[in-house]
Amino acid sequence: MATTEPRPMKVLTPALATSLRDFNAAARHLQAKGVRLLQIDPTENRLVISPEDGERLQRERLTEGYQRHASAGSDRITVLFEGVTLEWRRPISYRDLQTIH
């Protein structure tokens, strides 16, 4: 015989809980370092930050990898920080265009 009491759905799996815990820890670490988070996307495991903050983290050697995706008006840069993808956009300046031949 079926019970009439609704059973709670278990939405947060152990793997998702671990992923969110790591994502939140990385976000808190960045904020403690003075990095302003412009966009938070836990489903994509991605944080968008300013170009200045991204370049500072790179100079401090706190990131891994480096991918540059060029577009018409800006470069989108992605790196890893504590397992989380950081992304920022850097406008292409006129000086940058002069060096491309």
N, C-alpha and C. Protein backbone atom coordinates (compact mmCIF):
# COMPACT_ATOMS: atom_id res chain seq x y z
N MET A 1 0.83 -1.17 0.00
CA MET A 1 0.00 0.00 0.00
C MET A 1 0.88 1.25 0.00
N ALA A 2 0.56 2.23 -0.82
CA ALA A 2 1.36 3.44 -0.95
C ALA A 2 1.12 4.37 0.23
N THR A 3 2.17 5.04 0.62
CA THR A 3 2.06 6.00 1.72
C THR A 3 1.55 7.33 1.19
N THR A 4 0.85 8.07 2.00
CA THR A 4 0.32 9.36 1.57
C THR A 4 1.24 10.52 1.95
N GLU A 5 2.28 10.24 2.71
CA GLU A 5 3.23 11.29 3.09
C GLU A 5 4.25 11.49 1.97
N PRO A 6 4.44 12.75 1.53
CA PRO A 6 5.42 12.98 0.48
C PRO A 6 6.85 12.79 1.01
N ARG A 7 7.66 12.15 0.20
CA ARG A 7 9.06 11.98 0.58
C ARG A 7 9.85 13.15 0.01
N PRO A 8 10.77 13.70 0.78
CA PRO A 8 11.57 14.82 0.25
C PRO A 8 12.49 14.34 -0.87
N MET A 9 12.60 15.19 -1.90
CA MET A 9 13.50 14.87 -3.00
C MET A 9 14.93 15.19 -2.59
N LYS A 10 15.82 14.33 -2.99
CA LYS A 10 17.23 14.57 -2.71
C LYS A 10 17.84 15.16 -3.99
N VAL A 11 18.05 16.48 -3.98
CA VAL A 11 18.53 17.18 -5.15
C VAL A 11 20.05 17.32 -5.11
N LEU A 12 20.60 17.52 -3.95
CA LEU A 12 22.03 17.75 -3.81
C LEU A 12 22.74 16.41 -3.62
N THR A 13 23.32 15.92 -4.70
CA THR A 13 24.06 14.66 -4.63
C THR A 13 25.40 14.89 -3.96
N PRO A 14 26.05 13.85 -3.48
CA PRO A 14 27.38 14.04 -2.85
C PRO A 14 28.39 14.69 -3.80
N ALA A 15 28.36 14.33 -5.08
CA ALA A 15 29.30 14.94 -6.04
C ALA A 15 29.01 16.43 -6.23
N LEU A 16 27.73 16.78 -6.33
CA LEU A 16 27.36 18.19 -6.48
C LEU A 16 27.69 18.97 -5.21
N ALA A 17 27.48 18.38 -4.06
CA ALA A 17 27.81 19.04 -2.80
C ALA A 17 29.31 19.34 -2.72
N THR A 18 30.13 18.39 -3.12
CA THR A 18 31.59 18.59 -3.12
C THR A 18 31.97 19.69 -4.10
N SER A 19 31.38 19.67 -5.28
CA SER A 19 31.67 20.68 -6.30
C SER A 19 31.29 22.07 -5.81
N LEU A 20 30.12 22.21 -5.21
CA LEU A 20 29.69 23.51 -4.69
C LEU A 20 30.56 23.97 -3.53
N ARG A 21 30.97 23.04 -2.68
CA ARG A 21 31.85 23.40 -1.56
C ARG A 21 33.17 23.96 -2.08
N ASP A 22 33.76 23.28 -3.06
CA ASP A 22 35.02 23.75 -3.65
C ASP A 22 34.85 25.08 -4.37
N PHE A 23 33.74 25.23 -5.09
CA PHE A 23 33.45 26.47 -5.81
C PHE A 23 33.32 27.63 -4.82
N ASN A 24 32.56 27.42 -3.75
CA ASN A 24 32.38 28.47 -2.74
C ASN A 24 33.69 28.81 -2.04
N ALA A 25 34.52 27.82 -1.77
CA ALA A 25 35.81 28.07 -1.12
C ALA A 25 36.70 28.92 -2.02
N ALA A 26 36.73 28.62 -3.31
CA ALA A 26 37.54 29.40 -4.25
C ALA A 26 37.02 30.83 -4.34
N ALA A 27 35.70 31.00 -4.39
CA ALA A 27 35.11 32.34 -4.46
C ALA A 27 35.44 33.14 -3.20
N ARG A 28 35.36 32.51 -2.04
CA ARG A 28 35.71 33.20 -0.80
C ARG A 28 37.19 33.58 -0.76
N HIS A 29 38.05 32.68 -1.24
CA HIS A 29 39.49 32.96 -1.27
C HIS A 29 39.77 34.17 -2.17
N LEU A 30 39.12 34.22 -3.33
CA LEU A 30 39.31 35.37 -4.23
C LEU A 30 38.83 36.66 -3.56
N GLN A 31 37.69 36.62 -2.92
CA GLN A 31 37.18 37.82 -2.26
C GLN A 31 38.10 38.26 -1.13
N ALA A 32 38.68 37.31 -0.42
CA ALA A 32 39.62 37.66 0.65
C ALA A 32 40.87 38.33 0.07
N LYS A 33 41.22 38.02 -1.17
CA LYS A 33 42.36 38.64 -1.83
C LYS A 33 41.99 39.96 -2.48
N GLY A 34 40.75 40.40 -2.32
CA GLY A 34 40.31 41.68 -2.87
C GLY A 34 39.80 41.62 -4.29
N VAL A 35 39.57 40.41 -4.81
CA VAL A 35 39.07 40.25 -6.18
C VAL A 35 37.55 40.44 -6.16
N ARG A 36 37.07 41.31 -7.02
CA ARG A 36 35.63 41.53 -7.13
C ARG A 36 35.05 40.54 -8.14
N LEU A 37 34.06 39.79 -7.73
CA LEU A 37 33.41 38.81 -8.60
C LEU A 37 32.30 39.51 -9.39
N LEU A 38 32.45 39.58 -10.70
CA LEU A 38 31.48 40.27 -11.53
C LEU A 38 30.31 39.38 -11.92
N GLN A 39 30.58 38.09 -12.04
CA GLN A 39 29.52 37.12 -12.37
C GLN A 39 29.87 35.80 -11.72
N ILE A 40 28.87 35.18 -11.11
CA ILE A 40 29.05 33.90 -10.43
C ILE A 40 28.18 32.88 -11.13
N ASP A 41 28.80 31.81 -11.64
CA ASP A 41 28.06 30.78 -12.37
C ASP A 41 28.47 29.40 -11.87
N PRO A 42 27.87 28.95 -10.74
CA PRO A 42 28.27 27.66 -10.18
C PRO A 42 27.92 26.46 -11.08
N THR A 43 26.89 26.59 -11.91
CA THR A 43 26.53 25.46 -12.78
C THR A 43 27.59 25.21 -13.85
N GLU A 44 28.30 26.26 -14.24
CA GLU A 44 29.39 26.15 -15.22
C GLU A 44 30.76 26.13 -14.54
N ASN A 45 30.77 26.20 -13.20
CA ASN A 45 32.02 26.23 -12.42
C ASN A 45 32.91 27.38 -12.89
N ARG A 46 32.28 28.58 -13.03
CA ARG A 46 32.96 29.73 -13.64
C ARG A 46 32.68 31.00 -12.87
N LEU A 47 33.74 31.81 -12.71
CA LEU A 47 33.62 33.13 -12.11
C LEU A 47 34.18 34.15 -13.09
N VAL A 48 33.48 35.25 -13.28
CA VAL A 48 33.96 36.32 -14.15
C VAL A 48 34.51 37.42 -13.25
N ILE A 49 35.75 37.85 -13.57
CA ILE A 49 36.43 38.88 -12.79
C ILE A 49 36.93 39.98 -13.73
N SER A 50 37.50 41.04 -13.17
CA SER A 50 38.03 42.13 -14.00
C SER A 50 39.37 41.74 -14.60
N PRO A 51 39.75 42.36 -15.71
CA PRO A 51 41.06 42.07 -16.31
C PRO A 51 42.22 42.39 -15.36
N GLU A 52 42.09 43.45 -14.60
CA GLU A 52 43.15 43.83 -13.66
C GLU A 52 43.35 42.75 -12.60
N ASP A 53 42.25 42.25 -12.07
CA ASP A 53 42.35 41.19 -11.05
C ASP A 53 42.91 39.91 -11.66
N GLY A 54 42.48 39.56 -12.87
CA GLY A 54 42.98 38.36 -13.52
C GLY A 54 44.48 38.43 -13.77
N GLU A 55 44.94 39.56 -14.26
CA GLU A 55 46.36 39.71 -14.54
C GLU A 55 47.17 39.73 -13.25
N ARG A 56 46.61 40.29 -12.17
CA ARG A 56 47.30 40.28 -10.87
C ARG A 56 47.44 38.85 -10.35
N LEU A 57 46.38 38.06 -10.46
CA LEU A 57 46.45 36.67 -10.02
C LEU A 57 47.49 35.88 -10.83
N GLN A 58 47.60 36.20 -12.11
CA GLN A 58 48.61 35.53 -12.93
C GLN A 58 50.02 35.94 -12.51
N ARG A 59 50.22 37.23 -12.26
CA ARG A 59 51.54 37.69 -11.81
C ARG A 59 51.94 37.04 -10.50
N GLU A 60 50.95 36.81 -9.62
CA GLU A 60 51.21 36.16 -8.33
C GLU A 60 51.31 34.65 -8.47
N ARG A 61 51.15 34.15 -9.69
CA ARG A 61 51.24 32.72 -10.00
C ARG A 61 50.23 31.88 -9.20
N LEU A 62 49.01 32.38 -9.12
CA LEU A 62 47.95 31.68 -8.40
C LEU A 62 47.01 30.94 -9.34
N THR A 63 47.26 31.03 -10.64
CA THR A 63 46.38 30.40 -11.62
C THR A 63 47.14 29.35 -12.40
N GLU A 64 46.38 28.49 -13.06
CA GLU A 64 46.94 27.44 -13.92
C GLU A 64 46.36 27.61 -15.32
N GLY A 65 47.17 27.23 -16.31
CA GLY A 65 46.68 27.28 -17.68
C GLY A 65 46.42 28.70 -18.13
N TYR A 66 46.20 28.85 -19.40
CA TYR A 66 45.90 30.16 -19.97
C TYR A 66 45.34 29.92 -21.35
N GLN A 67 44.13 30.39 -21.58
CA GLN A 67 43.53 30.29 -22.91
C GLN A 67 43.03 31.66 -23.30
N ARG A 68 43.40 32.08 -24.49
CA ARG A 68 42.98 33.37 -25.01
C ARG A 68 42.08 33.11 -26.21
N HIS A 69 40.89 33.70 -26.17
CA HIS A 69 39.91 33.54 -27.24
C HIS A 69 39.67 34.93 -27.83
N ALA A 70 40.21 35.18 -29.00
CA ALA A 70 40.09 36.49 -29.63
C ALA A 70 38.73 36.65 -30.29
N SER A 71 38.21 37.86 -30.21
CA SER A 71 36.98 38.20 -30.93
C SER A 71 37.17 39.58 -31.54
N ALA A 72 36.14 40.14 -32.12
CA ALA A 72 36.26 41.39 -32.86
C ALA A 72 36.74 42.55 -31.97
N GLY A 73 36.24 42.66 -30.76
CA GLY A 73 36.59 43.83 -29.95
C GLY A 73 37.32 43.54 -28.66
N SER A 74 37.44 42.26 -28.30
CA SER A 74 38.09 41.95 -27.04
C SER A 74 38.64 40.53 -27.05
N ASP A 75 39.51 40.28 -26.11
CA ASP A 75 40.02 38.93 -25.87
C ASP A 75 39.34 38.40 -24.62
N ARG A 76 38.88 37.16 -24.68
CA ARG A 76 38.34 36.50 -23.50
C ARG A 76 39.41 35.55 -23.01
N ILE A 77 39.84 35.75 -21.78
CA ILE A 77 40.90 34.94 -21.20
C ILE A 77 40.28 34.03 -20.14
N THR A 78 40.69 32.75 -20.15
CA THR A 78 40.24 31.82 -19.12
C THR A 78 41.46 31.14 -18.51
N VAL A 79 41.40 30.98 -17.18
CA VAL A 79 42.43 30.28 -16.42
C VAL A 79 41.74 29.46 -15.34
N LEU A 80 42.50 28.62 -14.65
CA LEU A 80 41.96 27.86 -13.52
C LEU A 80 42.52 28.40 -12.22
N PHE A 81 41.66 28.51 -11.23
CA PHE A 81 42.04 28.92 -9.88
C PHE A 81 41.37 27.95 -8.91
N GLU A 82 42.16 27.14 -8.26
CA GLU A 82 41.64 26.17 -7.29
C GLU A 82 40.51 25.32 -7.89
N GLY A 83 40.67 24.94 -9.16
CA GLY A 83 39.69 24.09 -9.82
C GLY A 83 38.50 24.80 -10.42
N VAL A 84 38.45 26.12 -10.28
CA VAL A 84 37.34 26.91 -10.81
C VAL A 84 37.85 27.73 -11.99
N THR A 85 37.06 27.80 -13.06
CA THR A 85 37.44 28.60 -14.22
C THR A 85 37.20 30.07 -13.93
N LEU A 86 38.25 30.87 -14.11
CA LEU A 86 38.14 32.32 -14.03
C LEU A 86 38.14 32.86 -15.45
N GLU A 87 37.32 33.86 -15.69
CA GLU A 87 37.22 34.44 -17.03
C GLU A 87 37.21 35.95 -16.91
N TRP A 88 37.89 36.60 -17.85
CA TRP A 88 37.81 38.04 -17.95
C TRP A 88 37.97 38.44 -19.40
N ARG A 89 37.53 39.64 -19.71
CA ARG A 89 37.65 40.17 -21.07
C ARG A 89 38.56 41.37 -21.04
N ARG A 90 39.43 41.43 -22.04
CA ARG A 90 40.35 42.54 -22.17
C ARG A 90 40.10 43.16 -23.53
N PRO A 91 39.70 44.45 -23.56
CA PRO A 91 39.46 45.09 -24.85
C PRO A 91 40.73 45.12 -25.68
N ILE A 92 40.59 44.95 -26.99
CA ILE A 92 41.72 45.07 -27.89
C ILE A 92 41.91 46.55 -28.17
N SER A 93 43.08 47.05 -27.83
CA SER A 93 43.33 48.47 -28.04
C SER A 93 43.88 48.71 -29.44
N TYR A 94 43.90 49.96 -29.84
CA TYR A 94 44.44 50.32 -31.13
C TYR A 94 45.91 49.92 -31.24
N ARG A 95 46.66 50.06 -30.15
CA ARG A 95 48.07 49.69 -30.13
C ARG A 95 48.24 48.20 -30.40
N ASP A 96 47.35 47.37 -29.84
CA ASP A 96 47.41 45.93 -30.09
C ASP A 96 47.18 45.62 -31.56
N LEU A 97 46.28 46.36 -32.19
CA LEU A 97 45.97 46.12 -33.59
C LEU A 97 47.16 46.49 -34.49
N GLN A 98 47.95 47.47 -34.11
CA GLN A 98 49.10 47.87 -34.92
C GLN A 98 50.17 46.81 -34.93
N THR A 99 50.27 46.00 -33.89
CA THR A 99 51.33 44.98 -33.83
C THR A 99 50.97 43.73 -34.62
N ILE A 100 49.72 43.60 -35.02
CA ILE A 100 49.28 42.42 -35.79
C ILE A 100 49.47 42.73 -37.26
N HIS A 101 50.24 41.94 -37.97
CA HIS A 101 50.48 42.14 -39.40
C HIS A 101 50.17 40.90 -40.16
